[in-house]
N, C-alpha and C. Protein backbone atom coordinates (compact mmCIF):
# COMPACT_ATOMS: atom_id res chain seq x y z
N MET A 1 -47.68 -88.81 -34.53
CA MET A 1 -48.16 -89.16 -33.22
C MET A 1 -48.22 -90.67 -33.07
N GLY A 2 -47.74 -91.23 -31.92
CA GLY A 2 -47.77 -92.67 -31.68
C GLY A 2 -49.15 -93.15 -31.29
N LYS A 3 -49.39 -94.43 -31.48
CA LYS A 3 -50.67 -95.02 -31.09
C LYS A 3 -50.61 -95.44 -29.64
N LYS A 4 -51.75 -95.36 -28.96
CA LYS A 4 -51.85 -95.80 -27.58
C LYS A 4 -52.04 -97.31 -27.56
N ILE A 5 -51.41 -97.95 -26.58
CA ILE A 5 -51.61 -99.39 -26.39
C ILE A 5 -52.68 -99.54 -25.33
N THR A 6 -53.75 -100.22 -25.67
CA THR A 6 -54.88 -100.39 -24.75
C THR A 6 -54.70 -101.66 -23.92
N THR A 7 -55.47 -101.76 -22.85
CA THR A 7 -55.46 -102.97 -22.03
C THR A 7 -55.85 -104.18 -22.85
N ALA A 8 -56.81 -104.02 -23.74
CA ALA A 8 -57.24 -105.12 -24.60
C ALA A 8 -56.08 -105.59 -25.49
N SER A 9 -55.30 -104.64 -26.01
CA SER A 9 -54.15 -105.00 -26.85
C SER A 9 -53.11 -105.77 -26.04
N LEU A 10 -52.86 -105.33 -24.82
CA LEU A 10 -51.89 -106.02 -23.97
C LEU A 10 -52.37 -107.44 -23.63
N SER A 11 -53.67 -107.57 -23.36
CA SER A 11 -54.22 -108.90 -23.07
C SER A 11 -54.08 -109.82 -24.27
N ALA A 12 -54.36 -109.30 -25.45
CA ALA A 12 -54.24 -110.10 -26.67
C ALA A 12 -52.79 -110.51 -26.90
N LEU A 13 -51.84 -109.62 -26.65
CA LEU A 13 -50.43 -109.95 -26.80
C LEU A 13 -50.00 -111.03 -25.81
N ALA A 14 -50.51 -110.94 -24.59
CA ALA A 14 -50.18 -111.94 -23.57
C ALA A 14 -50.72 -113.31 -23.98
N LEU A 15 -51.94 -113.35 -24.52
CA LEU A 15 -52.51 -114.62 -24.97
C LEU A 15 -51.70 -115.21 -26.12
N VAL A 16 -51.30 -114.38 -27.06
CA VAL A 16 -50.49 -114.85 -28.18
C VAL A 16 -49.15 -115.39 -27.69
N ALA A 17 -48.51 -114.68 -26.76
CA ALA A 17 -47.22 -115.13 -26.22
C ALA A 17 -47.37 -116.47 -25.51
N THR A 18 -48.43 -116.63 -24.74
CA THR A 18 -48.68 -117.89 -24.04
C THR A 18 -48.90 -119.03 -25.03
N ALA A 19 -49.69 -118.78 -26.05
CA ALA A 19 -49.95 -119.80 -27.06
C ALA A 19 -48.67 -120.19 -27.79
N LEU A 20 -47.84 -119.22 -28.12
CA LEU A 20 -46.58 -119.52 -28.80
C LEU A 20 -45.66 -120.35 -27.91
N ALA A 21 -45.61 -120.03 -26.62
CA ALA A 21 -44.77 -120.79 -25.70
C ALA A 21 -45.25 -122.23 -25.61
N LEU A 22 -46.57 -122.43 -25.55
CA LEU A 22 -47.11 -123.79 -25.48
C LEU A 22 -46.83 -124.56 -26.76
N MET A 23 -46.97 -123.89 -27.90
CA MET A 23 -46.71 -124.54 -29.18
C MET A 23 -45.24 -124.88 -29.33
N ALA A 24 -44.36 -124.10 -28.71
CA ALA A 24 -42.92 -124.35 -28.81
C ALA A 24 -42.48 -125.46 -27.87
N GLY A 25 -43.41 -125.99 -27.08
CA GLY A 25 -43.07 -127.10 -26.19
C GLY A 25 -42.55 -126.66 -24.85
N ALA A 26 -42.78 -125.42 -24.46
CA ALA A 26 -42.34 -124.95 -23.15
C ALA A 26 -43.07 -125.76 -22.09
N SER A 27 -42.33 -126.23 -21.11
CA SER A 27 -42.95 -127.04 -20.07
C SER A 27 -43.00 -126.27 -18.76
N ALA A 28 -43.87 -126.75 -17.88
CA ALA A 28 -44.00 -126.13 -16.58
C ALA A 28 -42.71 -126.38 -15.78
N PRO A 29 -42.38 -125.48 -14.88
CA PRO A 29 -41.17 -125.69 -14.07
C PRO A 29 -41.30 -126.94 -13.20
N GLU A 30 -40.17 -127.55 -12.92
CA GLU A 30 -40.18 -128.74 -12.09
C GLU A 30 -40.40 -128.37 -10.62
N HIS A 31 -41.08 -129.26 -9.92
CA HIS A 31 -41.25 -129.15 -8.48
C HIS A 31 -39.97 -129.72 -7.88
N GLU A 32 -39.23 -128.90 -7.16
CA GLU A 32 -37.96 -129.31 -6.57
C GLU A 32 -38.21 -129.85 -5.17
N ILE A 33 -37.77 -131.08 -4.92
CA ILE A 33 -37.88 -131.70 -3.59
C ILE A 33 -36.49 -132.19 -3.20
N THR A 34 -36.08 -131.84 -1.99
CA THR A 34 -34.83 -132.36 -1.45
C THR A 34 -35.14 -133.15 -0.20
N LEU A 35 -34.64 -134.37 -0.13
CA LEU A 35 -34.74 -135.20 1.07
C LEU A 35 -33.33 -135.48 1.56
N ILE A 36 -33.15 -135.30 2.87
CA ILE A 36 -31.86 -135.49 3.50
C ILE A 36 -31.97 -136.65 4.48
N ALA A 37 -31.06 -137.62 4.36
CA ALA A 37 -31.00 -138.71 5.33
C ALA A 37 -30.09 -138.27 6.47
N ARG A 38 -30.66 -138.30 7.69
CA ARG A 38 -29.86 -138.03 8.89
C ARG A 38 -30.58 -138.65 10.09
N ASN A 39 -29.83 -139.12 11.04
CA ASN A 39 -30.40 -139.73 12.25
C ASN A 39 -31.41 -140.83 11.91
N MET A 40 -31.09 -141.61 10.88
CA MET A 40 -31.91 -142.76 10.48
C MET A 40 -33.35 -142.38 10.10
N ALA A 41 -33.50 -141.21 9.46
CA ALA A 41 -34.81 -140.77 8.96
C ALA A 41 -34.56 -139.83 7.78
N PHE A 42 -35.63 -139.55 7.04
CA PHE A 42 -35.59 -138.57 5.95
C PHE A 42 -36.16 -137.24 6.46
N TYR A 43 -35.57 -136.14 6.01
CA TYR A 43 -36.03 -134.81 6.37
C TYR A 43 -35.97 -133.91 5.14
N THR A 44 -36.82 -132.88 5.11
CA THR A 44 -36.66 -131.82 4.13
C THR A 44 -35.72 -130.80 4.77
N PRO A 45 -35.05 -129.98 3.94
CA PRO A 45 -34.07 -129.04 4.50
C PRO A 45 -34.63 -128.05 5.52
N ASP A 46 -35.90 -127.71 5.40
CA ASP A 46 -36.47 -126.66 6.24
C ASP A 46 -37.35 -127.19 7.37
N SER A 47 -37.20 -128.47 7.73
CA SER A 47 -38.09 -129.04 8.74
C SER A 47 -37.38 -130.10 9.56
N ASP A 48 -37.84 -130.27 10.79
CA ASP A 48 -37.34 -131.34 11.65
C ASP A 48 -38.36 -132.47 11.76
N VAL A 49 -39.35 -132.48 10.88
CA VAL A 49 -40.34 -133.56 10.86
C VAL A 49 -39.73 -134.75 10.11
N ALA A 50 -39.64 -135.88 10.82
CA ALA A 50 -39.06 -137.07 10.22
C ALA A 50 -40.02 -137.70 9.22
N ASN A 51 -39.48 -138.16 8.10
CA ASN A 51 -40.22 -138.90 7.07
C ASN A 51 -41.52 -138.19 6.69
N PRO A 52 -41.42 -136.95 6.22
CA PRO A 52 -42.63 -136.15 5.95
C PRO A 52 -43.43 -136.66 4.76
N THR A 53 -44.72 -136.32 4.76
CA THR A 53 -45.57 -136.55 3.60
C THR A 53 -45.26 -135.44 2.59
N LEU A 54 -44.93 -135.82 1.37
CA LEU A 54 -44.58 -134.88 0.31
C LEU A 54 -45.74 -134.82 -0.67
N LYS A 55 -46.26 -133.62 -0.91
CA LYS A 55 -47.45 -133.46 -1.76
C LYS A 55 -47.06 -133.06 -3.17
N LEU A 56 -47.69 -133.75 -4.14
CA LEU A 56 -47.46 -133.49 -5.56
C LEU A 56 -48.80 -133.31 -6.26
N ALA A 57 -48.76 -132.58 -7.34
CA ALA A 57 -49.94 -132.44 -8.20
C ALA A 57 -49.88 -133.55 -9.26
N PRO A 58 -51.02 -134.01 -9.73
CA PRO A 58 -51.02 -135.01 -10.81
C PRO A 58 -50.25 -134.51 -12.03
N ARG A 59 -49.47 -135.40 -12.62
CA ARG A 59 -48.67 -135.13 -13.83
C ARG A 59 -47.60 -134.05 -13.65
N GLU A 60 -47.33 -133.67 -12.45
CA GLU A 60 -46.33 -132.64 -12.18
C GLU A 60 -44.92 -133.17 -12.44
N GLU A 61 -44.09 -132.35 -13.05
CA GLU A 61 -42.68 -132.70 -13.24
C GLU A 61 -41.97 -132.47 -11.91
N VAL A 62 -41.22 -133.49 -11.46
CA VAL A 62 -40.58 -133.44 -10.15
C VAL A 62 -39.09 -133.69 -10.30
N ARG A 63 -38.32 -132.90 -9.61
CA ARG A 63 -36.87 -133.10 -9.54
C ARG A 63 -36.56 -133.41 -8.08
N PHE A 64 -36.13 -134.63 -7.83
CA PHE A 64 -35.94 -135.19 -6.50
C PHE A 64 -34.44 -135.25 -6.21
N THR A 65 -33.96 -134.52 -5.21
CA THR A 65 -32.56 -134.60 -4.82
C THR A 65 -32.48 -135.30 -3.47
N PHE A 66 -31.63 -136.30 -3.38
CA PHE A 66 -31.43 -137.08 -2.17
C PHE A 66 -30.00 -136.87 -1.70
N ILE A 67 -29.84 -136.49 -0.42
CA ILE A 67 -28.53 -136.23 0.17
C ILE A 67 -28.39 -137.10 1.42
N ASN A 68 -27.29 -137.82 1.54
CA ASN A 68 -27.06 -138.64 2.72
C ASN A 68 -26.05 -137.96 3.65
N LEU A 69 -26.56 -137.44 4.77
CA LEU A 69 -25.71 -136.82 5.78
C LEU A 69 -25.59 -137.68 7.04
N ASP A 70 -26.01 -138.93 6.95
CA ASP A 70 -25.97 -139.85 8.09
C ASP A 70 -24.57 -140.48 8.13
N ARG A 71 -23.66 -139.79 8.79
CA ARG A 71 -22.24 -140.15 8.79
C ARG A 71 -22.00 -141.63 9.09
N GLY A 72 -21.30 -142.28 8.16
CA GLY A 72 -20.91 -143.66 8.34
C GLY A 72 -21.99 -144.69 8.02
N ILE A 73 -23.17 -144.25 7.56
CA ILE A 73 -24.26 -145.17 7.28
C ILE A 73 -24.71 -145.00 5.83
N ASP A 74 -24.77 -146.09 5.09
CA ASP A 74 -25.25 -146.05 3.71
C ASP A 74 -26.77 -145.99 3.69
N HIS A 75 -27.32 -145.26 2.72
CA HIS A 75 -28.78 -145.18 2.52
C HIS A 75 -29.07 -145.10 1.03
N ASP A 76 -30.28 -145.45 0.68
CA ASP A 76 -30.78 -145.22 -0.68
C ASP A 76 -32.16 -144.59 -0.56
N LEU A 77 -32.74 -144.24 -1.68
CA LEU A 77 -34.09 -143.68 -1.72
C LEU A 77 -34.83 -144.37 -2.85
N THR A 78 -35.95 -145.00 -2.50
CA THR A 78 -36.71 -145.77 -3.48
C THR A 78 -38.19 -145.43 -3.37
N VAL A 79 -38.83 -145.25 -4.52
CA VAL A 79 -40.29 -145.20 -4.61
C VAL A 79 -40.64 -146.34 -5.56
N ALA A 80 -40.79 -147.52 -4.98
CA ALA A 80 -40.88 -148.75 -5.78
C ALA A 80 -42.01 -148.73 -6.79
N ASP A 81 -43.21 -148.29 -6.39
CA ASP A 81 -44.33 -148.36 -7.33
C ASP A 81 -44.27 -147.30 -8.43
N LEU A 82 -43.31 -146.38 -8.35
CA LEU A 82 -43.09 -145.42 -9.44
C LEU A 82 -41.81 -145.74 -10.21
N GLY A 83 -41.12 -146.82 -9.80
CA GLY A 83 -39.91 -147.23 -10.50
C GLY A 83 -38.71 -146.34 -10.23
N LEU A 84 -38.69 -145.63 -9.12
CA LEU A 84 -37.57 -144.74 -8.79
C LEU A 84 -36.65 -145.42 -7.79
N ARG A 85 -35.36 -145.46 -8.13
CA ARG A 85 -34.37 -146.05 -7.23
C ARG A 85 -33.07 -145.26 -7.36
N SER A 86 -32.60 -144.78 -6.22
CA SER A 86 -31.29 -144.12 -6.23
C SER A 86 -30.22 -145.19 -6.06
N SER A 87 -28.99 -144.80 -6.25
CA SER A 87 -27.87 -145.64 -5.87
C SER A 87 -27.78 -145.65 -4.35
N VAL A 88 -27.07 -146.60 -3.80
CA VAL A 88 -26.77 -146.57 -2.37
C VAL A 88 -25.67 -145.53 -2.19
N LEU A 89 -25.95 -144.56 -1.30
CA LEU A 89 -25.01 -143.46 -1.09
C LEU A 89 -24.36 -143.57 0.28
N PRO A 90 -23.05 -143.34 0.35
CA PRO A 90 -22.39 -143.32 1.66
C PRO A 90 -22.77 -142.06 2.43
N GLY A 91 -22.66 -142.15 3.74
CA GLY A 91 -23.06 -141.03 4.60
C GLY A 91 -21.98 -139.97 4.73
N ASP A 92 -21.52 -139.48 3.61
CA ASP A 92 -20.47 -138.46 3.63
C ASP A 92 -20.90 -137.19 2.89
N GLY A 93 -22.23 -137.00 2.78
CA GLY A 93 -22.74 -135.85 2.04
C GLY A 93 -22.97 -136.15 0.58
N SER A 94 -22.83 -137.39 0.19
CA SER A 94 -23.08 -137.77 -1.21
C SER A 94 -24.53 -137.48 -1.57
N SER A 95 -24.75 -137.17 -2.85
CA SER A 95 -26.11 -136.85 -3.29
C SER A 95 -26.34 -137.34 -4.70
N MET A 96 -27.60 -137.44 -5.06
CA MET A 96 -27.97 -137.74 -6.44
C MET A 96 -29.34 -137.14 -6.70
N THR A 97 -29.64 -136.90 -7.96
CA THR A 97 -30.91 -136.29 -8.37
C THR A 97 -31.61 -137.20 -9.37
N MET A 98 -32.93 -137.32 -9.20
CA MET A 98 -33.77 -138.09 -10.11
C MET A 98 -34.92 -137.20 -10.55
N SER A 99 -35.30 -137.27 -11.80
CA SER A 99 -36.45 -136.52 -12.29
C SER A 99 -37.52 -137.50 -12.73
N PHE A 100 -38.78 -137.13 -12.49
CA PHE A 100 -39.89 -137.98 -12.90
C PHE A 100 -41.15 -137.14 -13.01
N ARG A 101 -42.17 -137.72 -13.61
CA ARG A 101 -43.49 -137.09 -13.70
C ARG A 101 -44.41 -137.79 -12.71
N ALA A 102 -45.10 -137.02 -11.88
CA ALA A 102 -46.04 -137.60 -10.92
C ALA A 102 -47.15 -138.32 -11.68
N PRO A 103 -47.70 -139.37 -11.07
CA PRO A 103 -48.80 -140.09 -11.73
C PRO A 103 -49.99 -139.18 -12.01
N ALA A 104 -50.77 -139.53 -13.00
CA ALA A 104 -51.95 -138.75 -13.36
C ALA A 104 -53.06 -138.90 -12.33
N GLN A 105 -53.12 -140.07 -11.69
CA GLN A 105 -54.19 -140.34 -10.74
C GLN A 105 -53.76 -139.99 -9.32
N PRO A 106 -54.65 -139.37 -8.53
CA PRO A 106 -54.34 -139.12 -7.13
C PRO A 106 -54.07 -140.45 -6.41
N GLY A 107 -53.20 -140.40 -5.41
CA GLY A 107 -52.91 -141.61 -4.65
C GLY A 107 -51.72 -141.42 -3.74
N ARG A 108 -51.41 -142.46 -2.98
CA ARG A 108 -50.31 -142.47 -2.03
C ARG A 108 -49.24 -143.43 -2.53
N HIS A 109 -47.98 -143.00 -2.42
CA HIS A 109 -46.84 -143.81 -2.86
C HIS A 109 -45.77 -143.73 -1.78
N GLU A 110 -45.33 -144.88 -1.31
CA GLU A 110 -44.34 -144.92 -0.23
C GLU A 110 -42.94 -144.70 -0.78
N TYR A 111 -42.19 -143.81 -0.11
CA TYR A 111 -40.76 -143.72 -0.38
C TYR A 111 -40.05 -144.32 0.82
N THR A 112 -38.91 -144.95 0.56
CA THR A 112 -38.23 -145.67 1.62
C THR A 112 -36.74 -145.78 1.35
N CYS A 113 -36.00 -146.05 2.40
CA CYS A 113 -34.62 -146.52 2.28
C CYS A 113 -34.74 -148.04 2.35
N GLU A 114 -34.39 -148.73 1.28
CA GLU A 114 -34.54 -150.18 1.27
C GLU A 114 -33.64 -150.86 2.29
N LEU A 115 -32.56 -150.21 2.70
CA LEU A 115 -31.65 -150.78 3.68
C LEU A 115 -32.19 -150.66 5.10
N HIS A 116 -33.05 -149.67 5.35
CA HIS A 116 -33.56 -149.39 6.70
C HIS A 116 -35.05 -149.06 6.64
N GLY A 117 -35.81 -149.89 5.93
CA GLY A 117 -37.22 -149.62 5.64
C GLY A 117 -38.14 -149.53 6.83
N ARG A 118 -37.78 -150.13 7.95
CA ARG A 118 -38.65 -150.03 9.13
C ARG A 118 -38.65 -148.63 9.72
N MET A 119 -37.53 -147.93 9.60
CA MET A 119 -37.40 -146.60 10.21
C MET A 119 -37.52 -145.47 9.20
N MET A 120 -37.11 -145.72 7.99
CA MET A 120 -36.98 -144.66 7.00
C MET A 120 -37.98 -144.85 5.88
N LYS A 121 -39.20 -144.36 6.11
CA LYS A 121 -40.23 -144.43 5.07
C LYS A 121 -41.23 -143.31 5.28
N GLY A 122 -41.69 -142.79 4.15
CA GLY A 122 -42.67 -141.71 4.17
C GLY A 122 -43.61 -141.86 2.97
N THR A 123 -44.40 -140.83 2.74
CA THR A 123 -45.42 -140.90 1.70
C THR A 123 -45.30 -139.75 0.72
N LEU A 124 -45.40 -140.10 -0.58
CA LEU A 124 -45.63 -139.11 -1.63
C LEU A 124 -47.14 -139.11 -1.86
N LEU A 125 -47.76 -137.97 -1.69
CA LEU A 125 -49.21 -137.87 -1.83
C LEU A 125 -49.52 -137.08 -3.09
N VAL A 126 -50.11 -137.74 -4.07
CA VAL A 126 -50.54 -137.06 -5.30
C VAL A 126 -51.98 -136.67 -5.11
N GLN A 127 -52.24 -135.36 -5.17
CA GLN A 127 -53.61 -134.88 -4.94
C GLN A 127 -53.91 -133.67 -5.81
């Protein structure tokens, strides 16, 4: 006759599996953010809000994809106080991805196109 697996046994197995994953260096999934340059502003793919505030958790791993769809106009993406700078991309659908860890302390960090900073700037909000 086989032994029954109890809820307590399953909970213990789940805790052991979690501990092993942490010990093996498994990291939390990255927060994926895409910003699209179009009409001289930044947008997320699912919104028409220009230059949106992007919210991050402290120490969160972030994967930032920047796409320039502003036909005929070069743009870049910079978060100067976090040391993030993309290449200047032509407005032909060119893209690039940058990965970084959000700061540990809550705060506001400006993202901008250095070529068009008066029109193209938003906020990364770590909270």
